[in-house]
C-alpha atoms as a PDB file:
ATOM      1  CA  UNK A   1      79.204 115.532 155.918  1.00  0.00           C
ATOM      2  CA  UNK A   2      81.065 113.769 152.880  1.00  0.00           C
ATOM      3  CA  UNK A   3      84.928 113.845 152.994  1.00  0.00           C
ATOM      4  CA  UNK A   4      87.351 112.987 150.243  1.00  0.00           C
ATOM      5  CA  UNK A   5      90.583 112.237 150.901  1.00  0.00           C
ATOM      6  CA  UNK A   6      89.855 113.625 153.774  1.00  0.00           C
ATOM      7  CA  UNK A   7      88.514 116.999 152.787  1.00  0.00           C
ATOM      8  CA  UNK A   8      85.264 117.935 153.205  1.00  0.00           C
ATOM      9  CA  UNK A   9      83.312 118.248 150.185  1.00  0.00           C
ATOM     10  CA  UNK A  10      82.783 122.023 149.821  1.00  0.00           C
ATOM     11  CA  UNK A  11      86.513 122.587 151.132  1.00  0.00           C
ATOM     12  CA  UNK A  12      87.313 120.216 148.083  1.00  0.00           C
ATOM     13  CA  UNK A  13      85.316 121.730 145.316  1.00  0.00           C
ATOM     14  CA  UNK A  14      86.318 125.089 146.446  1.00  0.00           C
ATOM     15  CA  UNK A  15      89.902 124.361 146.252  1.00  0.00           C
ATOM     16  CA  UNK A  16      89.468 122.971 143.104  1.00  0.00           C
ATOM     17  CA  UNK A  17      87.861 126.115 141.660  1.00  0.00           C
ATOM     18  CA  UNK A  18      91.052 127.846 142.631  1.00  0.00           C
ATOM     19  CA  UNK A  19      93.157 125.109 140.759  1.00  0.00           C
ATOM     20  CA  UNK A  20      91.217 125.609 137.590  1.00  0.00           C
ATOM     21  CA  UNK A  21      91.503 129.344 138.294  1.00  0.00           C
ATOM     22  CA  UNK A  22      95.080 129.496 138.197  1.00  0.00           C
ATOM     23  CA  UNK A  23      95.563 127.170 135.349  1.00  0.00           C
ATOM     24  CA  UNK A  24      93.227 129.310 133.096  1.00  0.00           C
ATOM     25  CA  UNK A  25      95.386 132.879 134.324  1.00  0.00           C
ATOM     26  CA  UNK A  26      98.276 130.684 133.510  1.00  0.00           C
ATOM     27  CA  UNK A  27      96.878 129.461 129.889  1.00  0.00           C
ATOM     28  CA  UNK A  28      96.280 132.938 128.908  1.00  0.00           C
ATOM     29  CA  UNK A  29      99.543 134.468 129.922  1.00  0.00           C
ATOM     30  CA  UNK A  30     101.610 131.801 128.330  1.00  0.00           C
ATOM     31  CA  UNK A  31      98.954 132.544 125.353  1.00  0.00           C
ATOM     32  CA  UNK A  32     100.028 136.262 125.235  1.00  0.00           C
ATOM     33  CA  UNK A  33     103.480 135.893 125.497  1.00  0.00           C
ATOM     34  CA  UNK A  34     103.543 133.349 122.911  1.00  0.00           C
ATOM     35  CA  UNK A  35     101.551 135.985 120.464  1.00  0.00           C
ATOM     36  CA  UNK A  36     104.263 138.588 121.380  1.00  0.00           C
ATOM     37  CA  UNK A  37     107.279 136.467 120.852  1.00  0.00           C
ATOM     38  CA  UNK A  38     105.429 135.716 117.081  1.00  0.00           C
ATOM     39  CA  UNK A  39     104.865 138.946 116.564  1.00  0.00           C
ATOM     40  CA  UNK A  40     108.205 140.282 117.264  1.00  0.00           C
ATOM     41  CA  UNK A  41     109.899 137.063 115.235  1.00  0.00           C
ATOM     42  CA  UNK A  42     107.715 138.409 111.990  1.00  0.00           C
ATOM     43  CA  UNK A  43     108.962 142.198 112.891  1.00  0.00           C
ATOM     44  CA  UNK A  44     112.263 141.260 112.826  1.00  0.00           C
ATOM     45  CA  UNK A  45     112.137 139.189 109.724  1.00  0.00           C
ATOM     46  CA  UNK A  46     110.473 141.914 107.853  1.00  0.00           C
ATOM     47  CA  UNK A  47     112.719 144.244 108.765  1.00  0.00           C
ATOM     48  CA  UNK A  48     115.762 142.036 107.855  1.00  0.00           C
ATOM     49  CA  UNK A  49     114.018 141.435 104.595  1.00  0.00           C
ATOM     50  CA  UNK A  50     113.678 145.026 103.365  1.00  0.00           C
ATOM     51  CA  UNK A  51     117.228 145.768 104.707  1.00  0.00           C
ATOM     52  CA  UNK A  52     118.223 142.954 102.060  1.00  0.00           C
ATOM     53  CA  UNK A  53     115.603 144.061  99.283  1.00  0.00           C
ATOM     54  CA  UNK A  54     117.445 147.430 100.153  1.00  0.00           C
ATOM     55  CA  UNK A  55     120.549 146.156  99.713  1.00  0.00           C
ATOM     56  CA  UNK A  56     119.793 144.733  96.512  1.00  0.00           C
ATOM     57  CA  UNK A  57     118.115 147.157  95.131  1.00  0.00           C
ATOM     58  CA  UNK A  58     121.667 149.224  95.511  1.00  0.00           C
ATOM     59  CA  UNK A  59     123.341 147.082  94.044  1.00  0.00           C
ATOM     60  CA  UNK A  60     124.087 147.929  90.079  1.00  0.00           C
ATOM     61  CA  UNK A  61     122.255 145.307  88.038  1.00  0.00           C
ATOM     62  CA  UNK A  62     123.973 143.177  85.478  1.00  0.00           C
ATOM     63  CA  UNK A  63     125.218 145.254  82.104  1.00  0.00           C
ATOM     64  CA  UNK A  64     124.178 148.587  84.209  1.00  0.00           C
ATOM     65  CA  UNK A  65     127.949 149.127  85.144  1.00  0.00           C
ATOM     66  CA  UNK A  66     128.821 152.767  84.372  1.00  0.00           C
ATOM     67  CA  UNK A  67     130.898 153.703  81.772  1.00  0.00           C
ATOM     68  CA  UNK A  68     134.373 155.773  82.918  1.00  0.00           C
ATOM     69  CA  UNK A  69     134.163 158.819  81.935  1.00  0.00           C
ATOM     70  CA  UNK A  70     136.896 161.284  81.560  1.00  0.00           C
ATOM     71  CA  UNK A  71     137.336 163.799  84.665  1.00  0.00           C
ATOM     72  CA  UNK A  72     137.982 167.108  82.459  1.00  0.00           C
ATOM     73  CA  UNK A  73     136.447 170.316  83.776  1.00  0.00           C
ATOM     74  CA  UNK A  74     133.845 172.257  81.426  1.00  0.00           C
ATOM     75  CA  UNK A  75     136.230 175.121  81.089  1.00  0.00           C
ATOM     76  CA  UNK A  76     138.862 172.965  79.633  1.00  0.00           C
ATOM     77  CA  UNK A  77     139.133 172.958  75.906  1.00  0.00           C
ATOM     78  CA  UNK A  78     139.555 169.642  74.859  1.00  0.00           C
ATOM     79  CA  UNK A  79     140.784 170.133  72.093  1.00  0.00           C
ATOM     80  CA  UNK A  80     143.431 172.317  72.854  1.00  0.00           C
ATOM     81  CA  UNK A  81     144.188 169.909  76.026  1.00  0.00           C
ATOM     82  CA  UNK A  82     147.854 167.916  76.075  1.00  0.00           C
ATOM     83  CA  UNK A  83     148.994 165.748  78.995  1.00  0.00           C
ATOM     84  CA  UNK A  84     150.882 167.237  81.275  1.00  0.00           C
ATOM     85  CA  UNK A  85     152.684 165.884  84.286  1.00  0.00           C
ATOM     86  CA  UNK A  86     151.055 163.921  87.413  1.00  0.00           C
ATOM     87  CA  UNK A  87     147.940 164.123  84.992  1.00  0.00           C
ATOM     88  CA  UNK A  88     145.812 160.752  85.297  1.00  0.00           C
ATOM     89  CA  UNK A  89     145.333 158.588  82.589  1.00  0.00           C
ATOM     90  CA  UNK A  90     142.763 155.405  81.648  1.00  0.00           C
ATOM     91  CA  UNK A  91     144.181 152.930  79.058  1.00  0.00           C
ATOM     92  CA  UNK A  92     141.886 151.035  77.838  1.00  0.00           C
ATOM     93  CA  UNK A  93     142.589 148.242  75.054  1.00  0.00           C
ATOM     94  CA  UNK A  94     139.844 146.118  73.749  1.00  0.00           C
ATOM     95  CA  UNK A  95     139.182 142.422  75.056  1.00  0.00           C
ATOM     96  CA  UNK A  96     143.107 142.968  76.583  1.00  0.00           C
ATOM     97  CA  UNK A  97     142.646 143.415  80.565  1.00  0.00           C
ATOM     98  CA  UNK A  98     145.974 143.048  81.077  1.00  0.00           C
ATOM     99  CA  UNK A  99     146.636 145.786  78.960  1.00  0.00           C
ATOM    100  CA  UNK A 100     144.208 147.864  80.442  1.00  0.00           C
ATOM    101  CA  UNK A 101     145.253 150.269  83.109  1.00  0.00           C
ATOM    102  CA  UNK A 102     145.306 153.484  84.734  1.00  0.00           C
ATOM    103  CA  UNK A 103     148.695 155.105  85.077  1.00  0.00           C
ATOM    104  CA  UNK A 104     149.704 158.833  86.204  1.00  0.00           C
ATOM    105  CA  UNK A 105     152.469 160.289  84.209  1.00  0.00           C
ATOM    106  CA  UNK A 106     155.763 160.839  86.177  1.00  0.00           C
ATOM    107  CA  UNK A 107     158.123 163.517  86.835  1.00  0.00           C
ATOM    108  CA  UNK A 108     159.889 162.568  83.496  1.00  0.00           C
ATOM    109  CA  UNK A 109     156.607 162.778  81.707  1.00  0.00           C
ATOM    110  CA  UNK A 110     156.911 158.878  80.721  1.00  0.00           C
ATOM    111  CA  UNK A 111     154.284 156.449  81.679  1.00  0.00           C
ATOM    112  CA  UNK A 112     155.044 152.635  81.433  1.00  0.00           C
ATOM    113  CA  UNK A 113     152.693 150.348  80.107  1.00  0.00           C
ATOM    114  CA  UNK A 114     152.975 146.452  79.127  1.00  0.00           C
ATOM    115  CA  UNK A 115     154.625 145.038  75.949  1.00  0.00           C
ATOM    116  CA  UNK A 116     155.147 148.693  75.342  1.00  0.00           C
ATOM    117  CA  UNK A 117     157.624 149.540  78.572  1.00  0.00           C
ATOM    118  CA  UNK A 118     158.412 153.832  78.975  1.00  0.00           C
ATOM    119  CA  UNK A 119     156.416 156.222  76.520  1.00  0.00           C
ATOM    120  CA  UNK A 120     156.473 160.039  76.772  1.00  0.00           C
ATOM    121  CA  UNK A 121     153.399 161.201  76.801  1.00  0.00           C
ATOM    122  CA  UNK A 122     153.712 164.824  77.819  1.00  0.00           C
ATOM    123  CA  UNK A 123     152.771 167.241  75.538  1.00  0.00           C
ATOM    124  CA  UNK A 124     150.725 164.544  73.783  1.00  0.00           C
ATOM    125  CA  UNK A 125     146.910 165.321  73.017  1.00  0.00           C
ATOM    126  CA  UNK A 126     145.062 162.097  73.935  1.00  0.00           C
ATOM    127  CA  UNK A 127     143.641 161.289  70.650  1.00  0.00           C
ATOM    128  CA  UNK A 128     147.647 161.431  69.723  1.00  0.00           C
ATOM    129  CA  UNK A 129     148.753 159.249  71.643  1.00  0.00           C
ATOM    130  CA  UNK A 130     145.905 156.925  71.247  1.00  0.00           C
ATOM    131  CA  UNK A 131     147.217 156.468  67.951  1.00  0.00           C
ATOM    132  CA  UNK A 132     151.075 155.938  69.313  1.00  0.00           C
ATOM    133  CA  UNK A 133     149.262 153.268  71.267  1.00  0.00           C
ATOM    134  CA  UNK A 134     147.872 151.376  68.600  1.00  0.00           C
ATOM    135  CA  UNK A 135     150.823 151.459  66.138  1.00  0.00           C
ATOM    136  CA  UNK A 136     153.330 150.108  68.761  1.00  0.00           C
ATOM    137  CA  UNK A 137     150.873 147.387  69.916  1.00  0.00           C
ATOM    138  CA  UNK A 138     150.342 146.191  66.631  1.00  0.00           C
ATOM    139  CA  UNK A 139     153.661 143.431  66.967  1.00  0.00           C
ATOM    140  CA  UNK A 140     152.015 142.141  69.547  1.00  0.00           C
ATOM    141  CA  UNK A 141     148.003 142.274  68.989  1.00  0.00           C
ATOM    142  CA  UNK A 142     146.310 141.705  65.180  1.00  0.00           C
ATOM    143  CA  UNK A 143     143.586 144.859  65.728  1.00  0.00           C
ATOM    144  CA  UNK A 144     144.825 146.680  68.593  1.00  0.00           C
ATOM    145  CA  UNK A 145     141.810 149.104  69.697  1.00  0.00           C
ATOM    146  CA  UNK A 146     143.204 151.743  72.308  1.00  0.00           C
ATOM    147  CA  UNK A 147     140.869 154.380  73.514  1.00  0.00           C
ATOM    148  CA  UNK A 148     142.707 157.264  75.743  1.00  0.00           C
ATOM    149  CA  UNK A 149     140.621 158.772  78.607  1.00  0.00           C
ATOM    150  CA  UNK A 150     141.815 161.825  80.990  1.00  0.00           C
ATOM    151  CA  UNK A 151     140.488 160.754  84.607  1.00  0.00           C
ATOM    152  CA  UNK A 152     142.331 163.535  86.134  1.00  0.00           C
ATOM    153  CA  UNK A 153     144.177 166.865  85.191  1.00  0.00           C
ATOM    154  CA  UNK A 154     146.794 168.025  87.717  1.00  0.00           C
ATOM    155  CA  UNK A 155     149.381 169.125  85.754  1.00  0.00           C
ATOM    156  CA  UNK A 156     147.083 172.512  85.429  1.00  0.00           C
ATOM    157  CA  UNK A 157     148.137 175.055  87.908  1.00  0.00           C
ATOM    158  CA  UNK A 158     148.645 178.432  88.654  1.00  0.00           C
ATOM    159  CA  UNK A 159     151.144 180.131  91.347  1.00  0.00           C
ATOM    160  CA  UNK A 160     150.286 182.724  93.955  1.00  0.00           C
ATOM    161  CA  UNK A 161     152.530 184.877  95.977  1.00  0.00           C
ATOM    162  CA  UNK A 162     152.739 187.657  97.920  1.00  0.00           C
ATOM    163  CA  UNK A 163     150.499 189.566 100.427  1.00  0.00           C
ATOM    164  CA  UNK A 164     147.464 187.260 100.377  1.00  0.00           C
ATOM    165  CA  UNK A 165     146.045 184.736 102.520  1.00  0.00           C
ATOM    166  CA  UNK A 166     147.771 181.409 101.380  1.00  0.00           C
ATOM    167  CA  UNK A 167     150.346 181.407  99.050  1.00  0.00           C
ATOM    168  CA  UNK A 168     151.518 178.569  96.776  1.00  0.00           C
ATOM    169  CA  UNK A 169     150.309 176.151  93.874  1.00  0.00           C
ATOM    170  CA  UNK A 170     146.653 176.399  93.009  1.00  0.00           C
ATOM    171  CA  UNK A 171     145.118 173.478  90.910  1.00  0.00           C
ATOM    172  CA  UNK A 172     143.682 175.257  87.695  1.00  0.00           C
ATOM    173  CA  UNK A 173     139.991 173.737  86.583  1.00  0.00           C
ATOM    174  CA  UNK A 174     139.353 175.874  83.951  1.00  0.00           C
ATOM    175  CA  UNK A 175     137.601 179.366  83.428  1.00  0.00           C
ATOM    176  CA  UNK A 176     139.108 180.749  86.386  1.00  0.00           C
ATOM    177  CA  UNK A 177     139.542 184.328  87.129  1.00  0.00           C
ATOM    178  CA  UNK A 178     142.229 186.259  88.857  1.00  0.00           C
ATOM    179  CA  UNK A 179     139.685 187.725  91.064  1.00  0.00           C
ATOM    180  CA  UNK A 180     138.139 184.304  92.129  1.00  0.00           C
ATOM    181  CA  UNK A 181     141.467 182.635  93.004  1.00  0.00           C
ATOM    182  CA  UNK A 182     142.434 185.778  95.140  1.00  0.00           C
ATOM    183  CA  UNK A 183     139.042 185.253  96.823  1.00  0.00           C
ATOM    184  CA  UNK A 184     139.586 181.638  97.239  1.00  0.00           C
ATOM    185  CA  UNK A 185     142.899 181.863  98.569  1.00  0.00           C
ATOM    186  CA  UNK A 186     141.597 184.281 101.428  1.00  0.00           C
ATOM    187  CA  UNK A 187     142.087 187.722  99.586  1.00  0.00           C
ATOM    188  CA  UNK A 188     144.822 190.357  99.930  1.00  0.00           C
ATOM    189  CA  UNK A 189     146.354 191.306 102.954  1.00  0.00           C
ATOM    190  CA  UNK A 190     145.896 194.693 105.071  1.00  0.00           C
ATOM    191  CA  UNK A 191     149.283 195.686 103.799  1.00  0.00           C
ATOM    192  CA  UNK A 192     148.893 194.505  99.899  1.00  0.00           C
ATOM    193  CA  UNK A 193     149.613 197.073  97.199  1.00  0.00           C
ATOM    194  CA  UNK A 194     146.293 196.002  95.723  1.00  0.00           C
ATOM    195  CA  UNK A 195     146.667 198.545  92.623  1.00  0.00           C
ATOM    196  CA  UNK A 196     150.359 196.878  91.998  1.00  0.00           C
ATOM    197  CA  UNK A 197     149.081 193.142  91.394  1.00  0.00           C
ATOM    198  CA  UNK A 198     150.229 191.891  88.160  1.00  0.00           C
ATOM    199  CA  UNK A 199     150.310 188.370  86.455  1.00  0.00           C
ATOM    200  CA  UNK A 200     153.879 186.823  85.156  1.00  0.00           C
ATOM    201  CA  UNK A 201     153.054 184.796  82.216  1.00  0.00           C
ATOM    202  CA  UNK A 202     155.009 182.898  79.459  1.00  0.00           C
ATOM    203  CA  UNK A 203     154.185 184.201  75.727  1.00  0.00           C
ATOM    204  CA  UNK A 204     156.424 182.776  73.004  1.00  0.00           C
ATOM    205  CA  UNK A 205     159.058 181.637  75.386  1.00  0.00           C
ATOM    206  CA  UNK A 206     159.130 185.062  76.564  1.00  0.00           C
ATOM    207  CA  UNK A 207     157.933 186.126  80.243  1.00  0.00           C
ATOM    208  CA  UNK A 208     155.285 189.396  79.669  1.00  0.00           C
ATOM    209  CA  UNK A 209     154.139 191.351  83.005  1.00  0.00           C
ATOM    210  CA  UNK A 210     150.284 191.920  82.738  1.00  0.00           C
ATOM    211  CA  UNK A 211     148.787 194.440  85.445  1.00  0.00           C
ATOM    212  CA  UNK A 212     145.477 193.756  87.260  1.00  0.00           C
ATOM    213  CA  UNK A 213     143.061 196.384  88.145  1.00  0.00           C
ATOM    214  CA  UNK A 214     142.061 195.226  91.316  1.00  0.00           C
ATOM    215  CA  UNK A 215     139.768 197.300  92.635  1.00  0.00           C
ATOM    216  CA  UNK A 216     137.894 198.264  89.513  1.00  0.00           C
ATOM    217  CA  UNK A 217     137.600 194.123  89.263  1.00  0.00           C
ATOM    218  CA  UNK A 218     136.158 194.250  92.806  1.00  0.00           C
ATOM    219  CA  UNK A 219     133.451 197.150  91.321  1.00  0.00           C
ATOM    220  CA  UNK A 220     131.944 194.565  89.308  1.00  0.00           C
ATOM    221  CA  UNK A 221     133.942 195.342  86.039  1.00  0.00           C
ATOM    222  CA  UNK A 222     134.360 192.308  84.033  1.00  0.00           C
ATOM    223  CA  UNK A 223     136.950 193.467  81.104  1.00  0.00           C
ATOM    224  CA  UNK A 224     139.483 194.212  84.127  1.00  0.00           C
ATOM    225  CA  UNK A 225     139.339 190.408  85.726  1.00  0.00           C
ATOM    226  CA  UNK A 226     142.063 188.507  83.756  1.00  0.00           C
ATOM    227  CA  UNK A 227     141.141 184.796  82.778  1.00  0.00           C
ATOM    228  CA  UNK A 228     144.122 182.718  84.126  1.00  0.00           C
ATOM    229  CA  UNK A 229     146.164 180.208  82.230  1.00  0.00           C
ATOM    230  CA  UNK A 230     148.113 177.438  83.340  1.00  0.00           C
ATOM    231  CA  UNK A 231     151.354 178.335  84.430  1.00  0.00           C
ATOM    232  CA  UNK A 232     150.652 182.240  85.122  1.00  0.00           C
ATOM    233  CA  UNK A 233     152.111 183.705  88.349  1.00  0.00           C
ATOM    234  CA  UNK A 234     149.797 186.031  90.699  1.00  0.00           C
ATOM    235  CA  UNK A 235     152.107 188.474  92.220  1.00  0.00           C
ATOM    236  CA  UNK A 236     150.552 190.765  95.178  1.00  0.00           C
ATOM    237  CA  UNK A 237     152.945 193.269  96.034  1.00  0.00           C
END
């Protein structure tokens, strides 16, 4: 009998086959693991690159910056609008970023700007304020170009008192009627005298009383539904 290192030849060959088989199995396992790792890495990189591309798509391209537009309701007549307390204005001075800014009209009706300091603006139309600013900047700038943009109208309010769901001041965007206002404020209470609702309105420096036919307006009679104006006081007895 032939011996290799004290082991019979047949036994030595069997052991060799087993070792080779183990090596092959381990090699296959390592190859499969490597493939999975590569696939995961590729997927991760692809996802991150897609996320990067998505974020880049969301970024605004140069030259596509949105222009600031006035936040004025379509129901507000731009020709009749006059600046009021708490209104937000954007003052833009061309090629003068230090002088361009957003301001809010103070309770005293004044705004404050560089070089000009305090300026009373309540009651002015935006175009009137624009011309005033141009004149006031002329001593400091050769050819001042000023734009006044109304970004927020907060001075237009009506007031609701009496037997309603919610009393107090209500912002008026423009075009609202008394019936719409009552609905938005929770409606009239069970104890309200619906037939006695009226509006107090100042006309020509005098306060007038305007009756409101609530039940008729509820029936769809449009003529009975009154269009509200800034400063109106709606009284629900």
